[in-house]
Amino acid sequence: MTGEVRRLTKALAFAAEAHRNHRRKGASQEPYVNHLIEVLDLVASVEGEDMDVIVAALLHDVLEDTRTGYDELAAAFGVRVARIVQENSDDMTLPKPERRRVRQAGLSNKSREARVVKLADIISNLRAIAVSPPAGWSSDRRLGYLESCRNLVDAGRGCNAEIERIFDYTAKAVEQAIRAEGIDGSASARRELEAAIGQPVHLVYMPNTRCRSLGAGDVDLLCQTIAQTFPSATVQTAEGIHESRRRTMLIGRIRTDSSDAVVALAQRLCIAFDEPFVGIEVDGRYIRIYGDDTA
């Protein structure tokens, strides 16, 4: 028993380090490890003492979202754990619509253990969009995401009756909450960003995640995109650190009362610069706005 506990704590430390700079995409920007622990708890509640599946639940995103390789994961936690994690890892070279299609079409062919982990992941994501949706997500978009989750789970049923029951209960509760509250991602982001007094100055950070060499064309693109909405702004280049790597970044300073408009700008910038996210800071508070459609 002591050995299994140590194996679990080793996995927790591994996940925390691998995802140390990651945040959830909701406006509250909670640490990503919270999601991993929630998935772990869900799987542990239905899989009893199968430590391989429990560890895989905690590590389910390390191959897809971090620099961890399959061989490294297998060496640290065993081939079965690595296989379950690999089964739940999308091919990130595919366009997003194709990834969704492949994910749903292939779920029924995955192992029972991988489907249990996937359902727990979906449940955690649904809980998150009920209370802290990504910025810009309307109620209709959240309901659309819920429907896509239902379709995905239906494709993978038959793995564990209890985790499926938890999903059905969660989906029903989340739908009721969305329809009753009508809270969207912009409202959540606005609550996080609004200053108490005065006209807030929003700092918009372009993270340059690919460490490109930025030039005058990039500055022009940022200025042009900002100018579509705001009459004035200050734009500058700066040296920054992301994922422990130094890189040149672009920063825009925009004085406005409309956090919604800044959120919409950040979403357009994700597309214009092909960045996974853009950061917004106001009055010492910071959130990330993601261009990805997933929660």
C-alpha atoms as a PDB file:
ATOM      1  CA  MET A   1       0.000   0.000   0.000  1.00  0.00           C
ATOM      2  CA  THR A   2       2.814   2.402   0.836  1.00  0.00           C
ATOM      3  CA  GLY A   3       4.340   1.790  -2.569  1.00  0.00           C
ATOM      4  CA  GLU A   4       1.055   2.650  -4.325  1.00  0.00           C
ATOM      5  CA  VAL A   5       0.679   5.865  -2.335  1.00  0.00           C
ATOM      6  CA  ARG A   6       4.224   6.868  -3.252  1.00  0.00           C
ATOM      7  CA  ARG A   7       3.492   6.089  -6.893  1.00  0.00           C
ATOM      8  CA  LEU A   8       0.467   8.380  -6.783  1.00  0.00           C
ATOM      9  CA  THR A   9       2.368  11.219  -5.116  1.00  0.00           C
ATOM     10  CA  LYS A  10       5.130  10.799  -7.717  1.00  0.00           C
ATOM     11  CA  ALA A  11       2.506  11.159 -10.459  1.00  0.00           C
ATOM     12  CA  LEU A  12       1.040  14.229  -8.774  1.00  0.00           C
ATOM     13  CA  ALA A  13       4.463  15.874  -8.592  1.00  0.00           C
ATOM     14  CA  PHE A  14       5.118  14.930 -12.233  1.00  0.00           C
ATOM     15  CA  ALA A  15       1.792  16.416 -13.391  1.00  0.00           C
ATOM     16  CA  ALA A  16       2.248  19.580 -11.344  1.00  0.00           C
ATOM     17  CA  GLU A  17       5.684  20.178 -12.864  1.00  0.00           C
ATOM     18  CA  ALA A  18       4.619  19.368 -16.426  1.00  0.00           C
ATOM     19  CA  HIS A  19       1.605  21.707 -16.219  1.00  0.00           C
ATOM     20  CA  ARG A  20       3.189  24.321 -13.953  1.00  0.00           C
ATOM     21  CA  ASN A  21       2.477  27.235 -16.310  1.00  0.00           C
ATOM     22  CA  HIS A  22      -0.959  26.075 -17.441  1.00  0.00           C
ATOM     23  CA  ARG A  23      -4.296  27.567 -16.404  1.00  0.00           C
ATOM     24  CA  ARG A  24      -7.888  26.639 -17.073  1.00  0.00           C
ATOM     25  CA  LYS A  25      -9.528  28.613 -19.877  1.00  0.00           C
ATOM     26  CA  GLY A  26     -12.374  30.009 -17.788  1.00  0.00           C
ATOM     27  CA  ALA A  27     -12.376  33.600 -16.623  1.00  0.00           C
ATOM     28  CA  SER A  28     -11.283  32.614 -13.108  1.00  0.00           C
ATOM     29  CA  GLN A  29      -8.085  31.098 -14.587  1.00  0.00           C
ATOM     30  CA  GLU A  30      -7.699  28.455 -11.886  1.00  0.00           C
ATOM     31  CA  PRO A  31      -4.496  26.344 -11.945  1.00  0.00           C
ATOM     32  CA  TYR A  32      -4.738  23.496 -14.457  1.00  0.00           C
ATOM     33  CA  VAL A  33      -3.680  20.969 -11.848  1.00  0.00           C
ATOM     34  CA  ASN A  34      -7.099  21.501 -10.199  1.00  0.00           C
ATOM     35  CA  HIS A  35      -8.675  19.909 -13.280  1.00  0.00           C
ATOM     36  CA  LEU A  36      -6.249  16.993 -13.196  1.00  0.00           C
ATOM     37  CA  ILE A  37      -7.014  16.295  -9.533  1.00  0.00           C
ATOM     38  CA  GLU A  38     -10.750  16.436 -10.222  1.00  0.00           C
ATOM     39  CA  VAL A  39     -10.390  13.875 -13.031  1.00  0.00           C
ATOM     40  CA  LEU A  40      -8.268  11.723 -10.714  1.00  0.00           C
ATOM     41  CA  ASP A  41     -10.946  11.895  -8.002  1.00  0.00           C
ATOM     42  CA  LEU A  42     -13.713  10.935 -10.426  1.00  0.00           C
ATOM     43  CA  VAL A  43     -11.792   7.943 -11.751  1.00  0.00           C
ATOM     44  CA  ALA A  44     -10.760   6.827  -8.263  1.00  0.00           C
ATOM     45  CA  SER A  45     -14.414   6.882  -7.185  1.00  0.00           C
ATOM     46  CA  VAL A  46     -15.404   4.336  -9.856  1.00  0.00           C
ATOM     47  CA  GLU A  47     -12.242   2.318 -10.496  1.00  0.00           C
ATOM     48  CA  GLY A  48     -11.468   1.337  -6.919  1.00  0.00           C
ATOM     49  CA  GLU A  49      -7.848   0.301  -6.515  1.00  0.00           C
ATOM     50  CA  ASP A  50      -6.698   0.079 -10.142  1.00  0.00           C
ATOM     51  CA  MET A  51      -3.752   2.407  -9.649  1.00  0.00           C
ATOM     52  CA  ASP A  52      -2.717   2.356 -13.311  1.00  0.00           C
ATOM     53  CA  VAL A  53      -6.029   3.905 -14.355  1.00  0.00           C
ATOM     54  CA  ILE A  54      -5.966   6.377 -11.465  1.00  0.00           C
ATOM     55  CA  VAL A  55      -2.429   7.527 -12.350  1.00  0.00           C
ATOM     56  CA  ALA A  56      -3.375   7.757 -16.026  1.00  0.00           C
ATOM     57  CA  ALA A  57      -6.293  10.006 -15.072  1.00  0.00           C
ATOM     58  CA  LEU A  58      -3.920  12.399 -13.343  1.00  0.00           C
ATOM     59  CA  LEU A  59      -1.517  12.371 -16.299  1.00  0.00           C
ATOM     60  CA  HIS A  60      -4.116  12.272 -19.086  1.00  0.00           C
ATOM     61  CA  ASP A  61      -2.959  15.530 -20.737  1.00  0.00           C
ATOM     62  CA  VAL A  62       0.830  15.309 -20.436  1.00  0.00           C
ATOM     63  CA  LEU A  63       1.418  13.859 -23.913  1.00  0.00           C
ATOM     64  CA  GLU A  64      -0.996  16.232 -25.636  1.00  0.00           C
ATOM     65  CA  ASP A  65      -0.232  19.478 -23.793  1.00  0.00           C
ATOM     66  CA  THR A  66       3.371  19.259 -22.579  1.00  0.00           C
ATOM     67  CA  ARG A  67       6.789  18.253 -23.888  1.00  0.00           C
ATOM     68  CA  THR A  68       6.586  14.855 -22.185  1.00  0.00           C
ATOM     69  CA  GLY A  69       7.177  11.969 -24.595  1.00  0.00           C
ATOM     70  CA  TYR A  70       5.622   8.506 -24.594  1.00  0.00           C
ATOM     71  CA  ASP A  71       8.889   6.749 -23.746  1.00  0.00           C
ATOM     72  CA  GLU A  72       9.530   9.082 -20.820  1.00  0.00           C
ATOM     73  CA  LEU A  73       6.029   8.492 -19.482  1.00  0.00           C
ATOM     74  CA  ALA A  74       6.277   4.713 -19.893  1.00  0.00           C
ATOM     75  CA  ALA A  75       9.650   4.617 -18.142  1.00  0.00           C
ATOM     76  CA  ALA A  76       8.316   6.612 -15.193  1.00  0.00           C
ATOM     77  CA  PHE A  77       4.887   4.997 -14.733  1.00  0.00           C
ATOM     78  CA  GLY A  78       4.687   1.869 -16.864  1.00  0.00           C
ATOM     79  CA  VAL A  79       3.507   0.923 -20.344  1.00  0.00           C
ATOM     80  CA  ARG A  80      -0.159   0.501 -19.346  1.00  0.00           C
ATOM     81  CA  VAL A  81      -0.359   4.030 -17.935  1.00  0.00           C
ATOM     82  CA  ALA A  82       1.378   5.450 -21.005  1.00  0.00           C
ATOM     83  CA  ARG A  83      -0.975   3.551 -23.327  1.00  0.00           C
ATOM     84  CA  ILE A  84      -4.103   4.890 -21.591  1.00  0.00           C
ATOM     85  CA  VAL A  85      -2.739   8.434 -21.750  1.00  0.00           C
ATOM     86  CA  GLN A  86      -1.789   8.009 -25.413  1.00  0.00           C
ATOM     87  CA  GLU A  87      -5.285   6.754 -26.228  1.00  0.00           C
ATOM     88  CA  ASN A  88      -6.665   9.997 -24.802  1.00  0.00           C
ATOM     89  CA  SER A  89      -4.214  12.276 -26.656  1.00  0.00           C
ATOM     90  CA  ASP A  90      -5.384  14.036 -29.814  1.00  0.00           C
ATOM     91  CA  ASP A  91      -3.174  14.478 -32.861  1.00  0.00           C
ATOM     92  CA  MET A  92      -2.541  18.210 -32.507  1.00  0.00           C
ATOM     93  CA  THR A  93      -1.259  18.483 -36.085  1.00  0.00           C
ATOM     94  CA  LEU A  94      -4.824  18.022 -37.357  1.00  0.00           C
ATOM     95  CA  PRO A  95      -7.211  20.969 -37.790  1.00  0.00           C
ATOM     96  CA  LYS A  96      -9.661  21.335 -34.905  1.00  0.00           C
ATOM     97  CA  PRO A  97     -12.750  20.122 -36.811  1.00  0.00           C
ATOM     98  CA  GLU A  98     -10.856  17.007 -37.908  1.00  0.00           C
ATOM     99  CA  ARG A  99      -9.628  16.389 -34.349  1.00  0.00           C
ATOM    100  CA  ARG A 100     -13.233  16.465 -33.123  1.00  0.00           C
ATOM    101  CA  ARG A 101     -14.347  14.055 -35.828  1.00  0.00           C
ATOM    102  CA  VAL A 102     -11.506  11.612 -35.151  1.00  0.00           C
ATOM    103  CA  ARG A 103     -12.073  11.852 -31.382  1.00  0.00           C
ATOM    104  CA  GLN A 104     -15.749  10.874 -31.646  1.00  0.00           C
ATOM    105  CA  ALA A 105     -15.310   8.264 -34.379  1.00  0.00           C
ATOM    106  CA  GLY A 106     -12.523   6.497 -32.513  1.00  0.00           C
ATOM    107  CA  LEU A 107     -13.800   6.539 -28.944  1.00  0.00           C
ATOM    108  CA  SER A 108     -15.690   3.243 -29.149  1.00  0.00           C
ATOM    109  CA  ASN A 109     -12.486   1.498 -30.251  1.00  0.00           C
ATOM    110  CA  LYS A 110     -10.467   2.664 -27.260  1.00  0.00           C
ATOM    111  CA  SER A 111      -9.860   0.469 -24.226  1.00  0.00           C
ATOM    112  CA  ARG A 112     -12.406   0.464 -21.425  1.00  0.00           C
ATOM    113  CA  GLU A 113      -9.908   2.188 -19.119  1.00  0.00           C
ATOM    114  CA  ALA A 114      -9.213   4.980 -21.601  1.00  0.00           C
ATOM    115  CA  ARG A 115     -12.941   5.620 -22.015  1.00  0.00           C
ATOM    116  CA  VAL A 116     -13.398   5.874 -18.244  1.00  0.00           C
ATOM    117  CA  VAL A 117     -10.652   8.509 -18.080  1.00  0.00           C
ATOM    118  CA  LYS A 118     -12.160  10.359 -21.051  1.00  0.00           C
ATOM    119  CA  LEU A 119     -15.607  10.502 -19.473  1.00  0.00           C
ATOM    120  CA  ALA A 120     -14.121  11.840 -16.241  1.00  0.00           C
ATOM    121  CA  ASP A 121     -12.291  14.500 -18.259  1.00  0.00           C
ATOM    122  CA  ILE A 122     -15.549  15.508 -19.966  1.00  0.00           C
ATOM    123  CA  ILE A 123     -17.398  15.702 -16.642  1.00  0.00           C
ATOM    124  CA  SER A 124     -14.739  18.016 -15.220  1.00  0.00           C
ATOM    125  CA  ASN A 125     -14.889  20.225 -18.307  1.00  0.00           C
ATOM    126  CA  LEU A 126     -18.681  20.472 -18.102  1.00  0.00           C
ATOM    127  CA  ARG A 127     -18.532  21.471 -14.452  1.00  0.00           C
ATOM    128  CA  ALA A 128     -16.063  24.197 -15.393  1.00  0.00           C
ATOM    129  CA  ILE A 129     -18.168  25.778 -18.135  1.00  0.00           C
ATOM    130  CA  ALA A 130     -21.134  25.889 -15.764  1.00  0.00           C
ATOM    131  CA  VAL A 131     -19.358  28.169 -13.287  1.00  0.00           C
ATOM    132  CA  SER A 132     -16.480  29.781 -15.221  1.00  0.00           C
ATOM    133  CA  PRO A 133     -16.844  29.567 -19.003  1.00  0.00           C
ATOM    134  CA  PRO A 134     -14.107  30.747 -21.361  1.00  0.00           C
ATOM    135  CA  ALA A 135     -14.309  34.435 -22.205  1.00  0.00           C
ATOM    136  CA  GLY A 136     -16.715  35.149 -25.035  1.00  0.00           C
ATOM    137  CA  TRP A 137     -18.717  31.936 -24.692  1.00  0.00           C
ATOM    138  CA  SER A 138     -22.432  32.761 -24.923  1.00  0.00           C
ATOM    139  CA  SER A 139     -25.083  30.566 -23.342  1.00  0.00           C
ATOM    140  CA  ASP A 140     -25.860  29.120 -26.781  1.00  0.00           C
ATOM    141  CA  ARG A 141     -22.218  28.213 -27.326  1.00  0.00           C
ATOM    142  CA  ARG A 142     -22.047  26.534 -23.926  1.00  0.00           C
ATOM    143  CA  LEU A 143     -25.195  24.542 -24.737  1.00  0.00           C
ATOM    144  CA  GLY A 144     -23.633  23.559 -28.061  1.00  0.00           C
ATOM    145  CA  TYR A 145     -20.525  22.354 -26.251  1.00  0.00           C
ATOM    146  CA  LEU A 146     -22.740  20.365 -23.859  1.00  0.00           C
ATOM    147  CA  GLU A 147     -24.459  18.690 -26.811  1.00  0.00           C
ATOM    148  CA  SER A 148     -21.105  17.768 -28.371  1.00  0.00           C
ATOM    149  CA  CYS A 149     -20.089  16.217 -25.025  1.00  0.00           C
ATOM    150  CA  ARG A 150     -23.268  14.166 -24.959  1.00  0.00           C
ATOM    151  CA  ASN A 151     -22.579  12.893 -28.465  1.00  0.00           C
ATOM    152  CA  LEU A 152     -19.010  11.991 -27.530  1.00  0.00           C
ATOM    153  CA  VAL A 153     -20.053  10.153 -24.369  1.00  0.00           C
ATOM    154  CA  ASP A 154     -22.748   8.254 -26.268  1.00  0.00           C
ATOM    155  CA  ALA A 155     -20.033   7.031 -28.625  1.00  0.00           C
ATOM    156  CA  GLY A 156     -18.064   5.605 -25.703  1.00  0.00           C
ATOM    157  CA  ARG A 157     -20.748   4.120 -23.474  1.00  0.00           C
ATOM    158  CA  GLY A 158     -20.392   0.674 -21.982  1.00  0.00           C
ATOM    159  CA  CYS A 159     -17.147   1.308 -20.108  1.00  0.00           C
ATOM    160  CA  ASN A 160     -18.443   1.936 -16.574  1.00  0.00           C
ATOM    161  CA  ALA A 161     -22.069   2.379 -15.526  1.00  0.00           C
ATOM    162  CA  GLU A 162     -21.236   4.617 -12.552  1.00  0.00           C
ATOM    163  CA  ILE A 163     -19.116   7.156 -14.470  1.00  0.00           C
ATOM    164  CA  GLU A 164     -21.831   7.267 -17.129  1.00  0.00           C
ATOM    165  CA  ARG A 165     -24.441   7.935 -14.426  1.00  0.00           C
ATOM    166  CA  ILE A 166     -22.300  10.775 -13.057  1.00  0.00           C
ATOM    167  CA  PHE A 167     -22.012  12.238 -16.549  1.00  0.00           C
ATOM    168  CA  ASP A 168     -25.769  12.080 -17.165  1.00  0.00           C
ATOM    169  CA  TYR A 169     -26.458  13.790 -13.846  1.00  0.00           C
ATOM    170  CA  THR A 170     -23.776  16.432 -14.500  1.00  0.00           C
ATOM    171  CA  ALA A 171     -25.016  17.145 -18.027  1.00  0.00           C
ATOM    172  CA  LYS A 172     -28.577  17.635 -16.814  1.00  0.00           C
ATOM    173  CA  ALA A 173     -27.483  19.926 -13.966  1.00  0.00           C
ATOM    174  CA  VAL A 174     -25.186  21.966 -16.209  1.00  0.00           C
ATOM    175  CA  GLU A 175     -27.915  22.454 -18.809  1.00  0.00           C
ATOM    176  CA  GLN A 176     -30.342  23.647 -16.138  1.00  0.00           C
ATOM    177  CA  ALA A 177     -27.725  26.036 -14.717  1.00  0.00           C
ATOM    178  CA  ILE A 178     -26.886  27.537 -18.116  1.00  0.00           C
ATOM    179  CA  ARG A 179     -30.533  28.049 -19.056  1.00  0.00           C
ATOM    180  CA  ALA A 180     -31.450  29.465 -15.654  1.00  0.00           C
ATOM    181  CA  GLU A 181     -28.477  31.767 -15.096  1.00  0.00           C
ATOM    182  CA  GLY A 182     -27.753  32.935 -18.624  1.00  0.00           C
ATOM    183  CA  ILE A 183     -24.141  33.697 -17.646  1.00  0.00           C
ATOM    184  CA  ASP A 184     -21.757  33.847 -20.573  1.00  0.00           C
ATOM    185  CA  GLY A 185     -17.994  33.969 -20.867  1.00  0.00           C
ATOM    186  CA  SER A 186     -17.882  37.710 -21.466  1.00  0.00           C
ATOM    187  CA  ALA A 187     -19.775  38.387 -18.258  1.00  0.00           C
ATOM    188  CA  SER A 188     -17.424  36.126 -16.319  1.00  0.00           C
ATOM    189  CA  ALA A 189     -14.364  37.774 -17.817  1.00  0.00           C
ATOM    190  CA  ARG A 190     -15.766  41.224 -17.110  1.00  0.00           C
ATOM    191  CA  ARG A 191     -16.216  40.400 -13.429  1.00  0.00           C
ATOM    192  CA  GLU A 192     -12.562  39.382 -13.290  1.00  0.00           C
ATOM    193  CA  LEU A 193     -11.297  42.464 -15.104  1.00  0.00           C
ATOM    194  CA  GLU A 194     -13.386  45.452 -14.070  1.00  0.00           C
ATOM    195  CA  ALA A 195     -11.676  48.022 -11.879  1.00  0.00           C
ATOM    196  CA  ALA A 196     -13.479  49.620  -8.973  1.00  0.00           C
ATOM    197  CA  ILE A 197     -12.993  53.259 -10.030  1.00  0.00           C
ATOM    198  CA  GLY A 198     -11.776  55.296 -12.974  1.00  0.00           C
ATOM    199  CA  GLN A 199     -11.353  54.210 -16.562  1.00  0.00           C
ATOM    200  CA  PRO A 200      -9.248  51.050 -16.576  1.00  0.00           C
ATOM    201  CA  VAL A 201      -6.180  50.592 -18.765  1.00  0.00           C
ATOM    202  CA  HIS A 202      -6.090  47.109 -20.274  1.00  0.00           C
ATOM    203  CA  LEU A 203      -2.717  45.588 -21.111  1.00  0.00           C
ATOM    204  CA  VAL A 204      -2.888  43.099 -23.957  1.00  0.00           C
ATOM    205  CA  TYR A 205       0.021  40.649 -24.107  1.00  0.00           C
ATOM    206  CA  MET A 206       0.991  38.811 -27.292  1.00  0.00           C
ATOM    207  CA  PRO A 207       3.036  35.905 -25.865  1.00  0.00           C
ATOM    208  CA  ASN A 208       4.909  34.841 -29.043  1.00  0.00           C
ATOM    209  CA  THR A 209       4.668  31.194 -28.019  1.00  0.00           C
ATOM    210  CA  ARG A 210       6.679  30.047 -31.043  1.00  0.00           C
ATOM    211  CA  CYS A 211       9.585  32.386 -30.226  1.00  0.00           C
ATOM    212  CA  ARG A 212       9.490  34.000 -33.665  1.00  0.00           C
ATOM    213  CA  SER A 213      11.652  36.949 -34.627  1.00  0.00           C
ATOM    214  CA  LEU A 214       9.174  39.839 -34.497  1.00  0.00           C
ATOM    215  CA  GLY A 215       9.461  42.766 -36.894  1.00  0.00           C
ATOM    216  CA  ALA A 216       7.734  45.921 -38.046  1.00  0.00           C
ATOM    217  CA  GLY A 217       5.088  43.847 -39.836  1.00  0.00           C
ATOM    218  CA  ASP A 218       4.007  42.297 -36.549  1.00  0.00           C
ATOM    219  CA  VAL A 219       3.753  45.704 -34.885  1.00  0.00           C
ATOM    220  CA  ASP A 220       1.719  46.961 -37.858  1.00  0.00           C
ATOM    221  CA  LEU A 221      -0.638  43.985 -37.620  1.00  0.00           C
ATOM    222  CA  LEU A 222      -1.187  44.567 -33.908  1.00  0.00           C
ATOM    223  CA  CYS A 223      -1.857  48.276 -34.481  1.00  0.00           C
ATOM    224  CA  GLN A 224      -4.238  47.582 -37.344  1.00  0.00           C
ATOM    225  CA  THR A 225      -6.192  44.997 -35.380  1.00  0.00           C
ATOM    226  CA  ILE A 226      -6.508  47.265 -32.338  1.00  0.00           C
ATOM    227  CA  ALA A 227      -7.541  50.213 -34.551  1.00  0.00           C
ATOM    228  CA  GLN A 228     -10.552  48.266 -35.812  1.00  0.00           C
ATOM    229  CA  THR A 229     -12.144  48.809 -32.391  1.00  0.00           C
ATOM    230  CA  PHE A 230     -10.234  51.443 -30.422  1.00  0.00           C
ATOM    231  CA  PRO A 231      -9.298  54.986 -31.514  1.00  0.00           C
ATOM    232  CA  SER A 232      -6.039  55.043 -29.561  1.00  0.00           C
ATOM    233  CA  ALA A 233      -3.566  52.721 -27.887  1.00  0.00           C
ATOM    234  CA  THR A 234       0.101  52.387 -27.066  1.00  0.00           C
ATOM    235  CA  VAL A 235       1.999  49.478 -28.605  1.00  0.00           C
ATOM    236  CA  GLN A 236       5.481  48.348 -27.640  1.00  0.00           C
ATOM    237  CA  THR A 237       7.864  45.424 -27.904  1.00  0.00           C
ATOM    238  CA  ALA A 238       9.244  43.882 -24.744  1.00  0.00           C
ATOM    239  CA  GLU A 239      11.386  40.991 -23.593  1.00  0.00           C
ATOM    240  CA  GLY A 240       9.492  38.377 -21.647  1.00  0.00           C
ATOM    241  CA  ILE A 241       9.579  34.815 -20.352  1.00  0.00           C
ATOM    242  CA  HIS A 242       6.992  32.136 -21.148  1.00  0.00           C
ATOM    243  CA  GLU A 243       7.376  28.422 -20.430  1.00  0.00           C
ATOM    244  CA  SER A 244      10.768  29.338 -18.920  1.00  0.00           C
ATOM    245  CA  ARG A 245      12.037  30.614 -22.299  1.00  0.00           C
ATOM    246  CA  ARG A 246      12.978  34.195 -23.079  1.00  0.00           C
ATOM    247  CA  ARG A 247      11.263  35.726 -26.092  1.00  0.00           C
ATOM    248  CA  THR A 248      10.311  39.044 -27.651  1.00  0.00           C
ATOM    249  CA  MET A 249       6.677  39.946 -26.992  1.00  0.00           C
ATOM    250  CA  LEU A 250       4.220  42.638 -28.096  1.00  0.00           C
ATOM    251  CA  ILE A 251       2.169  44.638 -25.595  1.00  0.00           C
ATOM    252  CA  GLY A 252      -0.769  46.938 -26.249  1.00  0.00           C
ATOM    253  CA  ARG A 253      -2.079  49.422 -23.685  1.00  0.00           C
ATOM    254  CA  ILE A 254      -5.727  50.382 -24.230  1.00  0.00           C
ATOM    255  CA  ARG A 255      -7.800  52.766 -22.105  1.00  0.00           C
ATOM    256  CA  THR A 256     -11.441  51.702 -22.194  1.00  0.00           C
ATOM    257  CA  ASP A 257     -14.440  50.943 -19.997  1.00  0.00           C
ATOM    258  CA  SER A 258     -15.405  47.981 -22.162  1.00  0.00           C
ATOM    259  CA  SER A 259     -13.751  44.761 -21.039  1.00  0.00           C
ATOM    260  CA  ASP A 260     -16.038  42.949 -23.480  1.00  0.00           C
ATOM    261  CA  ALA A 261     -14.411  44.811 -26.375  1.00  0.00           C
ATOM    262  CA  VAL A 262     -10.926  43.915 -25.122  1.00  0.00           C
ATOM    263  CA  VAL A 263     -11.931  40.241 -24.810  1.00  0.00           C
ATOM    264  CA  ALA A 264     -13.237  40.316 -28.389  1.00  0.00           C
ATOM    265  CA  LEU A 265      -9.996  41.973 -29.517  1.00  0.00           C
ATOM    266  CA  ALA A 266      -7.939  39.263 -27.821  1.00  0.00           C
ATOM    267  CA  GLN A 267      -9.907  36.583 -29.641  1.00  0.00           C
ATOM    268  CA  ARG A 268      -9.245  38.281 -32.985  1.00  0.00           C
ATOM    269  CA  LEU A 269      -5.551  38.583 -32.125  1.00  0.00           C
ATOM    270  CA  CYS A 270      -5.348  34.840 -31.439  1.00  0.00           C
ATOM    271  CA  ILE A 271      -6.473  34.287 -35.013  1.00  0.00           C
ATOM    272  CA  ALA A 272      -4.427  37.076 -36.593  1.00  0.00           C
ATOM    273  CA  PHE A 273      -1.169  35.956 -34.948  1.00  0.00           C
ATOM    274  CA  ASP A 274      -1.970  32.214 -34.835  1.00  0.00           C
ATOM    275  CA  GLU A 275      -1.474  32.179 -31.053  1.00  0.00           C
ATOM    276  CA  PRO A 276      -3.195  29.736 -28.687  1.00  0.00           C
ATOM    277  CA  PHE A 277      -3.983  32.541 -26.250  1.00  0.00           C
ATOM    278  CA  VAL A 278      -3.590  36.263 -25.599  1.00  0.00           C
ATOM    279  CA  GLY A 279      -3.186  37.706 -22.087  1.00  0.00           C
ATOM    280  CA  ILE A 280      -5.167  40.625 -20.658  1.00  0.00           C
ATOM    281  CA  GLU A 281      -4.233  42.510 -17.497  1.00  0.00           C
ATOM    282  CA  VAL A 282      -6.110  45.316 -15.771  1.00  0.00           C
ATOM    283  CA  ASP A 283      -5.581  46.728 -12.290  1.00  0.00           C
ATOM    284  CA  GLY A 284      -3.141  43.941 -11.449  1.00  0.00           C
ATOM    285  CA  ARG A 285      -5.511  41.139 -12.500  1.00  0.00           C
ATOM    286  CA  TYR A 286      -4.603  38.863 -15.389  1.00  0.00           C
ATOM    287  CA  ILE A 287      -6.533  36.355 -17.489  1.00  0.00           C
ATOM    288  CA  ARG A 288      -5.843  34.471 -20.699  1.00  0.00           C
ATOM    289  CA  ILE A 289      -8.222  34.583 -23.651  1.00  0.00           C
ATOM    290  CA  TYR A 290      -7.950  31.433 -25.748  1.00  0.00           C
ATOM    291  CA  GLY A 291      -8.474  31.058 -29.463  1.00  0.00           C
ATOM    292  CA  ASP A 292      -9.094  27.324 -29.104  1.00  0.00           C
ATOM    293  CA  ASP A 293     -12.722  26.164 -29.158  1.00  0.00           C
ATOM    294  CA  THR A 294     -12.273  23.573 -26.408  1.00  0.00           C
ATOM    295  CA  ALA A 295     -12.793  24.123 -22.728  1.00  0.00           C
END
